């Protein structure tokens, strides 16, 4: 995804001199080289970061009320979805139950 974002974009000034297709090819090659060169550095940085500790520390710094408000905001959306999807599912299950009961009798 990153490669697609970086590559395939031509540089307008260069594109006029060497052509659009050649400029895109150069852009793709440069993007690959940059990503390959950055990968080891990125891996070292990520290995040295204790993301769990950073997340824990940031959460502990939150005011309890602020954290509760954030959780309620996110969960409110999810619970609303469950309410809306639960009604049709419940209706289908009730209808299926009625059909099964009538078939058994």
Protein backbone atom coordinates (compact mmCIF):
# COMPACT_ATOMS: atom_id res chain seq x y z
CA UNK A 1 0.00 0.00 0.00
CA UNK A 2 2.81 2.39 0.89
CA UNK A 3 4.64 1.41 -2.26
CA UNK A 4 1.55 2.17 -4.34
CA UNK A 5 1.27 5.59 -2.70
CA UNK A 6 4.93 6.41 -3.28
CA UNK A 7 5.37 4.94 -6.73
CA UNK A 8 3.63 5.81 -9.93
CA UNK A 9 3.63 9.53 -9.25
CA UNK A 10 5.63 11.42 -11.77
CA UNK A 11 7.58 14.58 -11.09
CA UNK A 12 6.09 17.21 -13.44
CA UNK A 13 9.36 19.00 -14.31
CA UNK A 14 11.19 15.73 -14.92
CA UNK A 15 8.23 14.25 -16.77
CA UNK A 16 8.44 16.96 -19.40
CA UNK A 17 12.11 16.19 -20.08
CA UNK A 18 12.26 12.37 -20.09
CA UNK A 19 8.63 11.45 -20.64
CA UNK A 20 5.83 10.44 -18.35
CA UNK A 21 6.33 6.66 -18.52
CA UNK A 22 10.08 6.83 -17.83
CA UNK A 23 9.46 9.24 -14.96
CA UNK A 24 6.92 6.83 -13.40
CA UNK A 25 9.39 3.96 -13.76
CA UNK A 26 12.09 5.98 -11.99
CA UNK A 27 9.60 6.92 -9.27
CA UNK A 28 8.74 3.25 -8.69
CA UNK A 29 12.41 2.24 -8.50
CA UNK A 30 13.20 5.05 -6.06
CA UNK A 31 10.20 4.16 -3.89
CA UNK A 32 11.33 0.53 -3.66
CA UNK A 33 14.90 1.56 -2.82
CA UNK A 34 13.73 3.99 -0.12
CA UNK A 35 11.41 1.42 1.49
CA UNK A 36 14.12 -1.26 1.41
CA UNK A 37 16.63 1.10 3.00
CA UNK A 38 14.18 2.24 5.68
CA UNK A 39 13.01 -1.24 6.69
CA UNK A 40 15.99 -2.22 8.90
CA UNK A 41 15.93 1.14 10.66
CA UNK A 42 12.19 0.87 11.21
CA UNK A 43 12.56 -2.65 12.63
CA UNK A 44 15.25 -1.49 15.07
CA UNK A 45 13.14 1.45 16.23
CA UNK A 46 10.04 -0.70 16.70
CA UNK A 47 12.01 -3.38 18.56
CA UNK A 48 13.28 -0.77 21.03
CA UNK A 49 9.85 0.75 21.62
CA UNK A 50 7.80 -0.85 24.37
CA UNK A 51 4.43 0.04 22.89
CA UNK A 52 2.49 -1.76 25.64
CA UNK A 53 4.29 0.32 28.28
CA UNK A 54 3.71 3.54 26.34
CA UNK A 55 -0.01 2.76 25.95
CA UNK A 56 -0.34 1.83 29.63
CA UNK A 57 1.41 5.02 30.71
CA UNK A 58 -0.79 7.19 28.49
CA UNK A 59 -3.96 5.53 29.77
CA UNK A 60 -2.86 5.94 33.37
CA UNK A 61 -2.36 9.68 32.74
CA UNK A 62 -5.98 10.09 31.66
CA UNK A 63 -8.46 11.51 34.09
CA UNK A 64 -10.88 8.73 35.09
CA UNK A 65 -13.89 10.77 33.96
CA UNK A 66 -12.24 11.57 30.61
CA UNK A 67 -11.43 7.88 30.03
CA UNK A 68 -14.96 6.86 31.00
CA UNK A 69 -16.40 9.43 28.57
CA UNK A 70 -14.21 8.09 25.75
CA UNK A 71 -15.25 4.49 26.44
CA UNK A 72 -18.92 5.48 26.64
CA UNK A 73 -18.70 7.38 23.35
CA UNK A 74 -17.23 4.39 21.52
CA UNK A 75 -19.47 1.81 23.17
CA UNK A 76 -22.60 3.92 22.56
CA UNK A 77 -22.09 3.58 18.81
CA UNK A 78 -21.49 -0.16 19.07
CA UNK A 79 -24.48 -0.72 21.33
CA UNK A 80 -26.71 1.30 19.01
CA UNK A 81 -25.66 -1.00 16.15
CA UNK A 82 -26.46 -4.05 18.28
CA UNK A 83 -29.90 -2.61 19.07
CA UNK A 84 -30.67 -1.94 15.41
CA UNK A 85 -29.41 -5.30 14.16
CA UNK A 86 -30.89 -7.19 17.12
CA UNK A 87 -34.49 -6.31 16.29
CA UNK A 88 -34.54 -7.90 12.81
CA UNK A 89 -32.56 -10.90 14.01
CA UNK A 90 -34.97 -11.36 16.90
CA UNK A 91 -37.95 -11.11 14.53
CA UNK A 92 -36.48 -13.74 12.19
CA UNK A 93 -35.75 -16.05 15.12
CA UNK A 94 -39.29 -15.62 16.47
CA UNK A 95 -40.76 -16.33 13.04
CA UNK A 96 -38.55 -19.42 12.67
CA UNK A 97 -39.60 -20.58 16.12
CA UNK A 98 -43.27 -20.22 15.21
CA UNK A 99 -42.73 -22.18 11.99
CA UNK A 100 -40.88 -24.97 13.80
CA UNK A 101 -43.55 -25.15 16.52
CA UNK A 102 -46.31 -25.40 13.89
CA UNK A 103 -44.41 -28.11 12.01
CA UNK A 104 -44.00 -30.22 15.18
CA UNK A 105 -47.65 -30.02 16.15
